[in-house]
Amino acid sequence: MVTGAGAVAAGFTGLPGAVALSHLSVYDWPAADGVCGGSPHLHLTCSEAYVVTGGRGAVQTLTMSGYEVTPLVPGTVAWFTPGTIHRLVNEDDLRITVLMQNNGLPEAGDAVLTLPPEYLTDPGTYAAATVVPGDAPEEERERFARARRDLALEGYRVLREADGPEPLAAFHRAAAALVRHRLAEWRERWERGARAAAAATGDQLDRLERGDVSHLADALVRAERPAEHGRFGMCGRLDVYRGT
């Protein structure tokens, strides 16, 4: 992928707008409340969109404005901004293409699960409660993924039932503290992705105003297939792309 000043000169070569995508099959594991689905969490710097491609379900969301449920059926496009706690619910083989800001940053660190407060005290404690060992047998990885989902639901239930905004505000503060040590890395991803893509468009507009069409000679076509299938994600099994 072209980065930095080269991205401006050559034109950004990632997906449009430096988005990324993955294909998601939402977990059909029942939780303590009888609902099947994934782990509630939020993103701190990225918006995310769901394009429903099959099945049926819903996304539960919790913000300072309250709790909502958005039905998801094939053809639905639903999206939300940073700070939205979201929980995917699988009612019948729910399958989604997920579009993410900042070159896939939501799956590369910009996510905090709604664990109970005692697990949010420091990055080490949080990581120990949420890691899914990549080298473990599949049934062991599933056990870890289900355990962290159930732990996230414990904290989520408290936030949903809270009387007043302070518990949610406290979770926001704890989530921000957990990721603070990664912000320089995230900024670099943004600079080589979304910022470079926007700058490339500005450069192309400047060229066209001067009558310079030389960037059109650098046109290219790219295609990729998933680099990984069935990874245990926060909300379901993921088919992921590396080069987007």
Protein backbone atom coordinates (compact mmCIF):
# COMPACT_ATOMS: atom_id res chain seq x y z
CA MET A 1 0.00 0.00 0.00
CA VAL A 2 1.32 3.48 -0.88
CA THR A 3 1.71 5.66 2.22
CA GLY A 4 2.60 9.18 3.27
CA ALA A 5 3.60 11.68 0.61
CA GLY A 6 3.68 8.89 -1.99
CA ALA A 7 -0.01 8.25 -1.42
CA VAL A 8 -0.76 11.88 -2.31
CA ALA A 9 1.32 11.73 -5.46
CA ALA A 10 0.14 8.36 -6.72
CA GLY A 11 -3.39 8.35 -5.37
CA PHE A 12 -4.40 6.33 -2.32
CA THR A 13 -4.63 2.65 -3.32
CA GLY A 14 -6.69 1.14 -0.51
CA LEU A 15 -10.45 0.74 -0.56
CA PRO A 16 -12.35 4.03 -1.13
CA GLY A 17 -11.98 6.45 1.75
CA ALA A 18 -9.53 4.11 3.53
CA VAL A 19 -12.31 1.90 4.79
CA ALA A 20 -11.78 -1.79 5.41
CA LEU A 21 -14.21 -4.67 5.47
CA SER A 22 -14.76 -8.13 6.86
CA HIS A 23 -17.47 -10.73 6.44
CA LEU A 24 -19.15 -11.67 9.71
CA SER A 25 -21.26 -14.67 10.69
CA VAL A 26 -22.75 -13.64 14.02
CA TYR A 27 -22.38 -16.09 16.89
CA ASP A 28 -25.40 -18.29 17.53
CA TRP A 29 -24.34 -18.99 21.12
CA PRO A 30 -27.15 -18.34 23.63
CA ALA A 31 -26.28 -16.06 26.54
CA ALA A 32 -27.63 -16.00 30.09
CA ASP A 33 -30.57 -13.85 28.96
CA GLY A 34 -31.49 -16.40 26.26
CA VAL A 35 -30.36 -14.12 23.44
CA CYS A 36 -27.88 -15.43 20.86
CA GLY A 37 -25.15 -13.12 19.63
CA GLY A 38 -21.88 -11.35 20.17
CA SER A 39 -19.95 -9.32 22.70
CA PRO A 40 -21.12 -5.75 23.42
CA HIS A 41 -18.37 -3.18 22.94
CA LEU A 42 -17.65 0.33 21.67
CA HIS A 43 -15.11 2.03 19.43
CA LEU A 44 -13.38 5.24 20.46
CA THR A 45 -12.29 6.77 17.14
CA CYS A 46 -14.04 4.83 14.36
CA SER A 47 -17.51 4.65 12.89
CA GLU A 48 -18.69 1.26 11.67
CA ALA A 49 -21.40 0.14 9.25
CA TYR A 50 -23.26 -3.14 8.86
CA VAL A 51 -24.45 -4.28 5.42
CA VAL A 52 -26.74 -7.23 6.07
CA THR A 53 -26.28 -9.95 3.46
CA GLY A 54 -28.26 -12.82 4.96
CA GLY A 55 -30.36 -14.08 7.83
CA ARG A 56 -32.13 -12.00 10.44
CA GLY A 57 -31.31 -10.34 13.73
CA ALA A 58 -30.80 -6.98 15.37
CA VAL A 59 -28.21 -4.66 16.85
CA GLN A 60 -28.78 -3.39 20.38
CA THR A 61 -27.17 0.01 20.99
CA LEU A 62 -26.56 2.03 24.13
CA THR A 63 -25.52 5.69 24.10
CA MET A 64 -26.04 8.72 26.31
CA SER A 65 -29.33 9.12 24.41
CA GLY A 66 -30.55 5.73 25.64
CA TYR A 67 -31.06 2.14 24.56
CA GLU A 68 -32.31 1.18 21.09
CA VAL A 69 -32.83 -1.94 19.02
CA THR A 70 -32.38 -1.78 15.24
CA PRO A 71 -33.75 -4.77 13.26
CA LEU A 72 -31.35 -6.27 10.73
CA VAL A 73 -32.60 -8.05 7.58
CA PRO A 74 -30.98 -8.53 4.16
CA GLY A 75 -30.50 -5.15 2.51
CA THR A 76 -30.33 -3.18 5.75
CA VAL A 77 -27.40 -0.81 6.15
CA ALA A 78 -26.96 0.34 9.74
CA TRP A 79 -24.09 2.43 11.08
CA PHE A 80 -23.01 4.14 14.28
CA THR A 81 -20.38 6.56 15.50
CA PRO A 82 -17.69 6.25 18.19
CA GLY A 83 -19.04 5.81 21.70
CA THR A 84 -21.96 3.61 20.66
CA ILE A 85 -22.04 0.40 22.67
CA HIS A 86 -23.37 -2.24 20.29
CA ARG A 87 -24.41 -5.86 20.69
CA LEU A 88 -25.28 -7.99 17.68
CA VAL A 89 -28.20 -10.38 18.10
CA ASN A 90 -28.53 -13.44 15.86
CA GLU A 91 -32.12 -14.56 15.35
CA ASP A 92 -31.61 -16.67 12.21
CA ASP A 93 -28.17 -17.15 10.60
CA LEU A 94 -27.31 -13.43 10.60
CA ARG A 95 -24.53 -12.57 8.15
CA ILE A 96 -23.06 -9.12 7.67
CA THR A 97 -20.38 -7.32 5.71
CA VAL A 98 -18.79 -4.89 8.14
CA LEU A 99 -17.33 -1.61 6.84
CA MET A 100 -14.82 0.08 9.13
CA GLN A 101 -13.02 3.41 9.23
CA ASN A 102 -9.27 3.83 9.31
CA ASN A 103 -8.06 0.72 7.51
CA GLY A 104 -9.85 -1.67 9.84
CA LEU A 105 -8.76 -0.09 13.10
CA PRO A 106 -11.94 -1.35 14.87
CA GLU A 107 -10.57 -4.89 14.51
CA ALA A 108 -7.00 -3.79 15.21
CA GLY A 109 -7.38 -2.26 18.65
CA ASP A 110 -10.09 0.41 18.60
CA ALA A 111 -12.60 -1.59 20.61
CA VAL A 112 -13.27 -1.99 24.32
CA LEU A 113 -15.64 -4.66 25.60
CA THR A 114 -18.12 -3.75 28.32
CA LEU A 115 -16.43 -5.80 31.02
CA PRO A 116 -17.23 -5.18 34.70
CA PRO A 117 -15.18 -2.28 36.14
CA GLU A 118 -12.66 -4.50 37.94
CA TYR A 119 -11.40 -5.73 34.56
CA LEU A 120 -10.93 -2.20 33.19
CA THR A 121 -8.30 -1.02 35.66
CA ASP A 122 -5.25 -1.42 33.41
CA PRO A 123 -4.34 -2.83 29.98
CA GLY A 124 -2.82 -6.01 31.39
CA THR A 125 -5.89 -6.94 33.41
CA TYR A 126 -8.14 -6.19 30.46
CA ALA A 127 -6.01 -8.19 28.02
CA ALA A 128 -5.91 -11.22 30.30
CA ALA A 129 -9.71 -11.27 30.38
CA THR A 130 -10.23 -10.81 26.63
CA VAL A 131 -7.45 -12.67 24.82
CA VAL A 132 -8.28 -15.59 22.54
CA PRO A 133 -5.08 -17.63 22.08
CA GLY A 134 -4.36 -17.85 18.37
CA ASP A 135 -2.38 -21.08 18.65
CA ALA A 136 -4.93 -23.01 20.73
CA PRO A 137 -7.17 -25.74 19.29
CA GLU A 138 -10.44 -24.48 17.84
CA GLU A 139 -12.62 -25.74 20.68
CA GLU A 140 -10.33 -23.96 23.17
CA ARG A 141 -10.49 -20.71 21.22
CA GLU A 142 -14.27 -20.98 21.16
CA ARG A 143 -14.29 -21.44 24.93
CA PHE A 144 -12.23 -18.28 25.42
CA ALA A 145 -14.41 -16.30 22.97
CA ARG A 146 -17.61 -17.39 24.71
CA ALA A 147 -16.18 -16.60 28.15
CA ARG A 148 -15.22 -13.05 27.19
CA ARG A 149 -18.61 -12.55 25.52
CA ASP A 150 -20.39 -13.60 28.71
CA LEU A 151 -18.14 -11.38 30.83
CA ALA A 152 -18.86 -8.41 28.55
CA LEU A 153 -22.59 -9.07 28.94
CA GLU A 154 -22.25 -8.81 32.72
CA GLY A 155 -20.95 -5.26 32.44
CA TYR A 156 -23.37 -4.42 29.65
CA ARG A 157 -26.35 -5.42 31.76
CA VAL A 158 -25.25 -3.08 34.55
CA LEU A 159 -24.85 -0.20 32.10
CA ARG A 160 -28.27 -0.83 30.54
CA GLU A 161 -29.98 -0.94 33.92
CA ALA A 162 -28.15 2.07 35.38
CA ASP A 163 -30.14 4.93 36.85
CA GLY A 164 -28.51 7.98 35.32
CA PRO A 165 -25.60 8.63 32.96
CA GLU A 166 -22.64 8.33 35.34
CA PRO A 167 -21.98 4.57 34.96
CA LEU A 168 -21.80 4.95 31.17
CA ALA A 169 -19.60 8.06 31.52
CA ALA A 170 -17.32 6.10 33.87
CA PHE A 171 -17.06 3.31 31.29
CA HIS A 172 -16.11 5.88 28.64
CA ARG A 173 -13.33 7.20 30.86
CA ALA A 174 -12.05 3.71 31.65
CA ALA A 175 -12.10 2.72 27.96
CA ALA A 176 -10.12 5.81 26.98
CA ALA A 177 -7.54 5.12 29.67
CA LEU A 178 -7.12 1.52 28.46
CA VAL A 179 -6.18 2.54 24.92
CA ARG A 180 -4.15 5.68 25.65
CA HIS A 181 -0.84 3.85 25.20
CA ARG A 182 -1.85 2.91 21.64
CA LEU A 183 -2.86 6.34 20.36
CA ALA A 184 0.44 7.05 18.57
CA GLU A 185 0.04 3.79 16.63
CA TRP A 186 -3.55 4.68 15.76
CA ARG A 187 -2.54 8.16 14.61
CA GLU A 188 0.05 6.66 12.26
CA ARG A 189 -2.62 4.34 10.79
CA TRP A 190 -4.93 7.31 10.25
CA GLU A 191 -2.17 9.35 8.62
CA ARG A 192 -1.29 6.64 6.12
CA GLY A 193 -4.95 5.78 5.52
CA ALA A 194 -7.87 8.21 5.78
CA ARG A 195 -5.73 11.33 5.89
CA ALA A 196 -3.64 10.22 2.90
CA ALA A 197 -6.79 9.30 0.96
CA ALA A 198 -8.32 12.74 1.54
CA ALA A 199 -5.04 14.45 0.68
CA ALA A 200 -4.79 12.44 -2.55
CA THR A 201 -8.22 13.70 -3.62
CA GLY A 202 -7.18 17.28 -2.86
CA ASP A 203 -4.03 16.82 -4.92
CA GLN A 204 -6.04 15.41 -7.84
CA LEU A 205 -8.46 18.34 -7.73
CA ASP A 206 -5.52 20.75 -7.80
CA ARG A 207 -4.05 18.93 -10.80
CA LEU A 208 -7.34 19.03 -12.71
CA GLU A 209 -7.68 22.76 -12.06
CA ARG A 210 -4.26 23.19 -13.71
CA GLY A 211 -5.27 20.97 -16.61
CA ASP A 212 -2.88 18.27 -15.43
CA VAL A 213 -4.33 14.79 -16.02
CA SER A 214 -1.11 12.85 -15.45
CA HIS A 215 -2.49 11.01 -12.42
CA LEU A 216 -5.02 9.27 -14.68
CA ALA A 217 -2.17 7.42 -16.35
CA ASP A 218 -1.41 5.77 -13.00
CA ALA A 219 -4.80 4.02 -12.82
CA LEU A 220 -4.75 0.52 -11.40
CA VAL A 221 -7.09 -2.33 -10.54
CA ARG A 222 -6.85 -4.49 -7.42
CA ALA A 223 -8.70 -7.53 -6.14
CA GLU A 224 -8.24 -9.57 -3.00
CA ARG A 225 -9.72 -12.62 -1.36
CA PRO A 226 -9.97 -13.14 2.39
CA ALA A 227 -6.61 -13.78 3.99
CA GLU A 228 -8.19 -15.55 6.95
CA HIS A 229 -11.47 -17.43 7.36
CA GLY A 230 -13.51 -18.02 10.49
CA ARG A 231 -11.46 -16.03 12.98
CA PHE A 232 -13.11 -15.67 16.40
CA GLY A 233 -14.07 -11.98 16.52
CA MET A 234 -15.97 -10.01 19.10
CA CYS A 235 -19.35 -10.55 17.44
CA GLY A 236 -18.90 -13.69 15.37
CA ARG A 237 -16.67 -15.63 12.99
CA LEU A 238 -14.76 -13.33 10.64
CA ASP A 239 -13.41 -13.61 7.12
CA VAL A 240 -10.79 -10.85 7.02
CA TYR A 241 -8.78 -9.04 4.37
CA ARG A 242 -5.22 -7.93 5.02
CA GLY A 243 -4.56 -5.45 2.24
CA THR A 244 -7.53 -3.11 2.56
